[in-house]
Amino acid sequence: MSIRLTDRQEEVLEHLFQGSNAADIAERLGLSVETVRVHTKRIFRKLDVHSKTELLAKRIRGEL
């Protein structure tokens, strides 16, 4: 991927790809739900998507 995500954003992204919600990700990574939401918003902005559906569609198309 040419867009640089932080290590934590990469971790959150992998959980998003697995279908986890913010609460599940927060629990698994030892973060607050709000922190996960901030990471998710930044991931979406960097990858130019507006939803998990768009994110997964990009991955399926091989764009991520």
PDB file of N, CA and C in Angstrom:
ATOM      1  N   MET A   1       0.850  -1.167   0.000  1.00  0.00           N
ATOM      2  CA  MET A   1       0.000   0.000   0.000  1.00  0.00           C
ATOM      3  C   MET A   1       0.896   1.231   0.000  1.00  0.00           C
ATOM      4  N   SER A   2       0.630   2.161  -0.901  1.00  0.00           N
ATOM      5  CA  SER A   2       1.479   3.343  -0.997  1.00  0.00           C
ATOM      6  C   SER A   2       1.101   4.408   0.031  1.00  0.00           C
ATOM      7  N   ILE A   3      -0.099   4.346   0.574  1.00  0.00           N
ATOM      8  CA  ILE A   3      -0.529   5.293   1.595  1.00  0.00           C
ATOM      9  C   ILE A   3      -0.002   4.795   2.930  1.00  0.00           C
ATOM     10  N   ARG A   4       0.644   5.668   3.663  1.00  0.00           N
ATOM     11  CA  ARG A   4       1.268   5.270   4.930  1.00  0.00           C
ATOM     12  C   ARG A   4       0.293   5.403   6.087  1.00  0.00           C
ATOM     13  N   LEU A   5       0.014   4.288   6.726  1.00  0.00           N
ATOM     14  CA  LEU A   5      -0.768   4.265   7.947  1.00  0.00           C
ATOM     15  C   LEU A   5       0.180   4.003   9.107  1.00  0.00           C
ATOM     16  N   THR A   6      -0.189   4.480  10.278  1.00  0.00           N
ATOM     17  CA  THR A   6       0.617   4.181  11.459  1.00  0.00           C
ATOM     18  C   THR A   6       0.452   2.700  11.794  1.00  0.00           C
ATOM     19  N   ASP A   7       1.331   2.200  12.628  1.00  0.00           N
ATOM     20  CA  ASP A   7       1.231   0.801  13.040  1.00  0.00           C
ATOM     21  C   ASP A   7      -0.116   0.523  13.697  1.00  0.00           C
ATOM     22  N   ARG A   8      -0.572   1.432  14.536  1.00  0.00           N
ATOM     23  CA  ARG A   8      -1.857   1.250  15.217  1.00  0.00           C
ATOM     24  C   ARG A   8      -3.007   1.274  14.209  1.00  0.00           C
ATOM     25  N   GLN A   9      -2.929   2.187  13.241  1.00  0.00           N
ATOM     26  CA  GLN A   9      -3.960   2.230  12.207  1.00  0.00           C
ATOM     27  C   GLN A   9      -3.986   0.926  11.414  1.00  0.00           C
ATOM     28  N   GLU A  10      -2.833   0.365  11.145  1.00  0.00           N
ATOM     29  CA  GLU A  10      -2.767  -0.931  10.455  1.00  0.00           C
ATOM     30  C   GLU A  10      -3.470  -2.017  11.281  1.00  0.00           C
ATOM     31  N   GLU A  11      -3.243  -1.999  12.599  1.00  0.00           N
ATOM     32  CA  GLU A  11      -3.900  -2.972  13.480  1.00  0.00           C
ATOM     33  C   GLU A  11      -5.415  -2.806  13.444  1.00  0.00           C
ATOM     34  N   VAL A  12      -5.866  -1.571  13.558  1.00  0.00           N
ATOM     35  CA  VAL A  12      -7.307  -1.305  13.521  1.00  0.00           C
ATOM     36  C   VAL A  12      -7.873  -1.726  12.168  1.00  0.00           C
ATOM     37  N   LEU A  13      -7.171  -1.418  11.100  1.00  0.00           N
ATOM     38  CA  LEU A  13      -7.616  -1.779   9.756  1.00  0.00           C
ATOM     39  C   LEU A  13      -7.805  -3.286   9.618  1.00  0.00           C
ATOM     40  N   GLU A  14      -6.870  -4.054  10.112  1.00  0.00           N
ATOM     41  CA  GLU A  14      -6.997  -5.513  10.030  1.00  0.00           C
ATOM     42  C   GLU A  14      -8.241  -5.996  10.764  1.00  0.00           C
ATOM     43  N   HIS A  15      -8.527  -5.407  11.910  1.00  0.00           N
ATOM     44  CA  HIS A  15      -9.734  -5.786  12.645  1.00  0.00           C
ATOM     45  C   HIS A  15     -10.993  -5.364  11.882  1.00  0.00           C
ATOM     46  N   LEU A  16     -10.947  -4.207  11.230  1.00  0.00           N
ATOM     47  CA  LEU A  16     -12.081  -3.777  10.415  1.00  0.00           C
ATOM     48  C   LEU A  16     -12.319  -4.761   9.276  1.00  0.00           C
ATOM     49  N   PHE A  17     -11.242  -5.219   8.654  1.00  0.00           N
ATOM     50  CA  PHE A  17     -11.363  -6.199   7.575  1.00  0.00           C
ATOM     51  C   PHE A  17     -11.983  -7.503   8.073  1.00  0.00           C
ATOM     52  N   GLN A  18     -11.771  -7.824   9.336  1.00  0.00           N
ATOM     53  CA  GLN A  18     -12.332  -9.037   9.930  1.00  0.00           C
ATOM     54  C   GLN A  18     -13.787  -8.848  10.360  1.00  0.00           C
ATOM     55  N   GLY A  19     -14.296  -7.630  10.202  1.00  0.00           N
ATOM     56  CA  GLY A  19     -15.687  -7.365  10.536  1.00  0.00           C
ATOM     57  C   GLY A  19     -15.936  -6.932  11.966  1.00  0.00           C
ATOM     58  N   SER A  20     -14.886  -6.636  12.706  1.00  0.00           N
ATOM     59  CA  SER A  20     -15.041  -6.222  14.105  1.00  0.00           C
ATOM     60  C   SER A  20     -15.607  -4.812  14.188  1.00  0.00           C
ATOM     61  N   ASN A  21     -16.379  -4.558  15.232  1.00  0.00           N
ATOM     62  CA  ASN A  21     -16.881  -3.207  15.463  1.00  0.00           C
ATOM     63  C   ASN A  21     -15.933  -2.477  16.414  1.00  0.00           C
ATOM     64  N   ALA A  22     -16.202  -1.190  16.630  1.00  0.00           N
ATOM     65  CA  ALA A  22     -15.305  -0.356  17.437  1.00  0.00           C
ATOM     66  C   ALA A  22     -15.134  -0.890  18.853  1.00  0.00           C
ATOM     67  N   ALA A  23     -16.211  -1.361  19.457  1.00  0.00           N
ATOM     68  CA  ALA A  23     -16.137  -1.877  20.831  1.00  0.00           C
ATOM     69  C   ALA A  23     -15.256  -3.119  20.902  1.00  0.00           C
ATOM     70  N   ASP A  24     -15.405  -4.018  19.933  1.00  0.00           N
ATOM     71  CA  ASP A  24     -14.579  -5.233  19.913  1.00  0.00           C
ATOM     72  C   ASP A  24     -13.104  -4.891  19.701  1.00  0.00           C
ATOM     73  N   ILE A  25     -12.850  -3.985  18.771  1.00  0.00           N
ATOM     74  CA  ILE A  25     -11.466  -3.582  18.491  1.00  0.00           C
ATOM     75  C   ILE A  25     -10.849  -2.940  19.729  1.00  0.00           C
ATOM     76  N   ALA A  26     -11.612  -2.062  20.368  1.00  0.00           N
ATOM     77  CA  ALA A  26     -11.113  -1.387  21.571  1.00  0.00           C
ATOM     78  C   ALA A  26     -10.727  -2.401  22.634  1.00  0.00           C
ATOM     79  N   GLU A  27     -11.577  -3.381  22.848  1.00  0.00           N
ATOM     80  CA  GLU A  27     -11.290  -4.394  23.868  1.00  0.00           C
ATOM     81  C   GLU A  27     -10.048  -5.206  23.511  1.00  0.00           C
ATOM     82  N   ARG A  28      -9.943  -5.620  22.261  1.00  0.00           N
ATOM     83  CA  ARG A  28      -8.805  -6.449  21.834  1.00  0.00           C
ATOM     84  C   ARG A  28      -7.474  -5.700  21.887  1.00  0.00           C
ATOM     85  N   LEU A  29      -7.518  -4.392  21.573  1.00  0.00           N
ATOM     86  CA  LEU A  29      -6.273  -3.620  21.509  1.00  0.00           C
ATOM     87  C   LEU A  29      -6.010  -2.803  22.775  1.00  0.00           C
ATOM     88  N   GLY A  30      -6.919  -2.862  23.733  1.00  0.00           N
ATOM     89  CA  GLY A  30      -6.726  -2.127  24.972  1.00  0.00           C
ATOM     90  C   GLY A  30      -6.858  -0.623  24.797  1.00  0.00           C
ATOM     91  N   LEU A  31      -7.788  -0.217  23.940  1.00  0.00           N
ATOM     92  CA  LEU A  31      -8.021   1.195  23.658  1.00  0.00           C
ATOM     93  C   LEU A  31      -9.438   1.571  24.060  1.00  0.00           C
ATOM     94  N   SER A  32      -9.718   2.872  24.094  1.00  0.00           N
ATOM     95  CA  SER A  32     -11.101   3.294  24.299  1.00  0.00           C
ATOM     96  C   SER A  32     -11.824   3.203  22.951  1.00  0.00           C
ATOM     97  N   VAL A  33     -13.135   3.104  23.022  1.00  0.00           N
ATOM     98  CA  VAL A  33     -13.937   3.066  21.799  1.00  0.00           C
ATOM     99  C   VAL A  33     -13.731   4.357  21.012  1.00  0.00           C
ATOM    100  N   GLU A  34     -13.658   5.479  21.708  1.00  0.00           N
ATOM    101  CA  GLU A  34     -13.458   6.760  21.021  1.00  0.00           C
ATOM    102  C   GLU A  34     -12.120   6.792  20.279  1.00  0.00           C
ATOM    103  N   THR A  35     -11.081   6.241  20.865  1.00  0.00           N
ATOM    104  CA  THR A  35      -9.778   6.178  20.193  1.00  0.00           C
ATOM    105  C   THR A  35      -9.869   5.343  18.927  1.00  0.00           C
ATOM    106  N   VAL A  36     -10.557   4.227  18.996  1.00  0.00           N
ATOM    107  CA  VAL A  36     -10.744   3.389  17.808  1.00  0.00           C
ATOM    108  C   VAL A  36     -11.499   4.173  16.735  1.00  0.00           C
ATOM    109  N   ARG A  37     -12.504   4.916  17.137  1.00  0.00           N
ATOM    110  CA  ARG A  37     -13.277   5.713  16.167  1.00  0.00           C
ATOM    111  C   ARG A  37     -12.403   6.781  15.515  1.00  0.00           C
ATOM    112  N   VAL A  38     -11.523   7.398  16.286  1.00  0.00           N
ATOM    113  CA  VAL A  38     -10.601   8.393  15.720  1.00  0.00           C
ATOM    114  C   VAL A  38      -9.672   7.725  14.710  1.00  0.00           C
ATOM    115  N   HIS A  39      -9.115   6.574  15.069  1.00  0.00           N
ATOM    116  CA  HIS A  39      -8.247   5.844  14.128  1.00  0.00           C
ATOM    117  C   HIS A  39      -9.021   5.488  12.860  1.00  0.00           C
ATOM    118  N   THR A  40     -10.249   5.037  13.028  1.00  0.00           N
ATOM    119  CA  THR A  40     -11.067   4.647  11.878  1.00  0.00           C
ATOM    120  C   THR A  40     -11.324   5.835  10.968  1.00  0.00           C
ATOM    121  N   LYS A  41     -11.658   6.977  11.528  1.00  0.00           N
ATOM    122  CA  LYS A  41     -11.890   8.175  10.719  1.00  0.00           C
ATOM    123  C   LYS A  41     -10.637   8.567   9.947  1.00  0.00           C
ATOM    124  N   ARG A  42      -9.495   8.476  10.586  1.00  0.00           N
ATOM    125  CA  ARG A  42      -8.233   8.828   9.914  1.00  0.00           C
ATOM    126  C   ARG A  42      -7.890   7.824   8.819  1.00  0.00           C
ATOM    127  N   ILE A  43      -8.159   6.555   9.077  1.00  0.00           N
ATOM    128  CA  ILE A  43      -7.946   5.514   8.057  1.00  0.00           C
ATOM    129  C   ILE A  43      -8.833   5.809   6.850  1.00  0.00           C
ATOM    130  N   PHE A  44     -10.115   6.071   7.098  1.00  0.00           N
ATOM    131  CA  PHE A  44     -11.047   6.369   6.008  1.00  0.00           C
ATOM    132  C   PHE A  44     -10.556   7.563   5.193  1.00  0.00           C
ATOM    133  N   ARG A  45     -10.121   8.625   5.882  1.00  0.00           N
ATOM    134  CA  ARG A  45      -9.647   9.819   5.185  1.00  0.00           C
ATOM    135  C   ARG A  45      -8.425   9.490   4.319  1.00  0.00           C
ATOM    136  N   LYS A  46      -7.462   8.783   4.896  1.00  0.00           N
ATOM    137  CA  LYS A  46      -6.240   8.454   4.155  1.00  0.00           C
ATOM    138  C   LYS A  46      -6.523   7.561   2.949  1.00  0.00           C
ATOM    139  N   LEU A  47      -7.499   6.663   3.093  1.00  0.00           N
ATOM    140  CA  LEU A  47      -7.800   5.716   2.021  1.00  0.00           C
ATOM    141  C   LEU A  47      -8.936   6.200   1.116  1.00  0.00           C
ATOM    142  N   ASP A  48      -9.437   7.399   1.386  1.00  0.00           N
ATOM    143  CA  ASP A  48     -10.481   8.028   0.573  1.00  0.00           C
ATOM    144  C   ASP A  48     -11.737   7.150   0.467  1.00  0.00           C
ATOM    145  N   VAL A  49     -12.227   6.721   1.635  1.00  0.00           N
ATOM    146  CA  VAL A  49     -13.486   5.988   1.715  1.00  0.00           C
ATOM    147  C   VAL A  49     -14.356   6.652   2.785  1.00  0.00           C
ATOM    148  N   HIS A  50     -15.653   6.336   2.730  1.00  0.00           N
ATOM    149  CA  HIS A  50     -16.581   6.948   3.663  1.00  0.00           C
ATOM    150  C   HIS A  50     -17.311   5.933   4.538  1.00  0.00           C
ATOM    151  N   SER A  51     -17.040   4.652   4.338  1.00  0.00           N
ATOM    152  CA  SER A  51     -17.729   3.628   5.118  1.00  0.00           C
ATOM    153  C   SER A  51     -16.923   2.337   5.103  1.00  0.00           C
ATOM    154  N   LYS A  52     -17.299   1.426   6.002  1.00  0.00           N
ATOM    155  CA  LYS A  52     -16.651   0.107   6.011  1.00  0.00           C
ATOM    156  C   LYS A  52     -16.939  -0.630   4.710  1.00  0.00           C
ATOM    157  N   THR A  53     -18.124  -0.423   4.161  1.00  0.00           N
ATOM    158  CA  THR A  53     -18.483  -1.079   2.902  1.00  0.00           C
ATOM    159  C   THR A  53     -17.536  -0.648   1.785  1.00  0.00           C
ATOM    160  N   GLU A  54     -17.280   0.652   1.671  1.00  0.00           N
ATOM    161  CA  GLU A  54     -16.340   1.142   0.663  1.00  0.00           C
ATOM    162  C   GLU A  54     -14.941   0.597   0.917  1.00  0.00           C
ATOM    163  N   LEU A  55     -14.562   0.537   2.179  1.00  0.00           N
ATOM    164  CA  LEU A  55     -13.252   0.025   2.547  1.00  0.00           C
ATOM    165  C   LEU A  55     -13.092  -1.422   2.087  1.00  0.00           C
ATOM    166  N   LEU A  56     -14.088  -2.240   2.376  1.00  0.00           N
ATOM    167  CA  LEU A  56     -14.035  -3.656   1.986  1.00  0.00           C
ATOM    168  C   LEU A  56     -14.093  -3.816   0.475  1.00  0.00           C
ATOM    169  N   ALA A  57     -14.877  -2.976  -0.201  1.00  0.00           N
ATOM    170  CA  ALA A  57     -14.947  -3.038  -1.657  1.00  0.00           C
ATOM    171  C   ALA A  57     -13.583  -2.752  -2.278  1.00  0.00           C
ATOM    172  N   LYS A  58     -12.873  -1.768  -1.735  1.00  0.00           N
ATOM    173  CA  LYS A  58     -11.525  -1.461  -2.244  1.00  0.00           C
ATOM    174  C   LYS A  58     -10.601  -2.655  -2.051  1.00  0.00           C
ATOM    175  N   ARG A  59     -10.732  -3.301  -0.906  1.00  0.00           N
ATOM    176  CA  ARG A  59      -9.868  -4.459  -0.642  1.00  0.00           C
ATOM    177  C   ARG A  59     -10.195  -5.596  -1.605  1.00  0.00           C
ATOM    178  N   ILE A  60     -11.464  -5.844  -1.816  1.00  0.00           N
ATOM    179  CA  ILE A  60     -11.882  -6.916  -2.728  1.00  0.00           C
ATOM    180  C   ILE A  60     -11.377  -6.651  -4.152  1.00  0.00           C
ATOM    181  N   ARG A  61     -11.418  -5.386  -4.559  1.00  0.00           N
ATOM    182  CA  ARG A  61     -10.934  -5.021  -5.891  1.00  0.00           C
ATOM    183  C   ARG A  61      -9.411  -5.036  -5.992  1.00  0.00           C
ATOM    184  N   GLY A  62      -8.736  -5.274  -4.871  1.00  0.00           N
ATOM    185  CA  GLY A  62      -7.288  -5.322  -4.885  1.00  0.00           C
ATOM    186  C   GLY A  62      -6.628  -3.964  -4.809  1.00  0.00           C
ATOM    187  N   GLU A  63      -7.370  -2.954  -4.393  1.00  0.00           N
ATOM    188  CA  GLU A  63      -6.825  -1.601  -4.321  1.00  0.00           C
ATOM    189  C   GLU A  63      -6.127  -1.340  -2.997  1.00  0.00           C
ATOM    190  N   LEU A  64      -6.240  -2.269  -2.056  1.00  0.00           N
ATOM    191  CA  LEU A  64      -5.586  -2.124  -0.753  1.00  0.00           C
ATOM    192  C   LEU A  64      -4.739  -3.336  -0.475  1.00  0.00           C
TER     193      LEU A  64
END
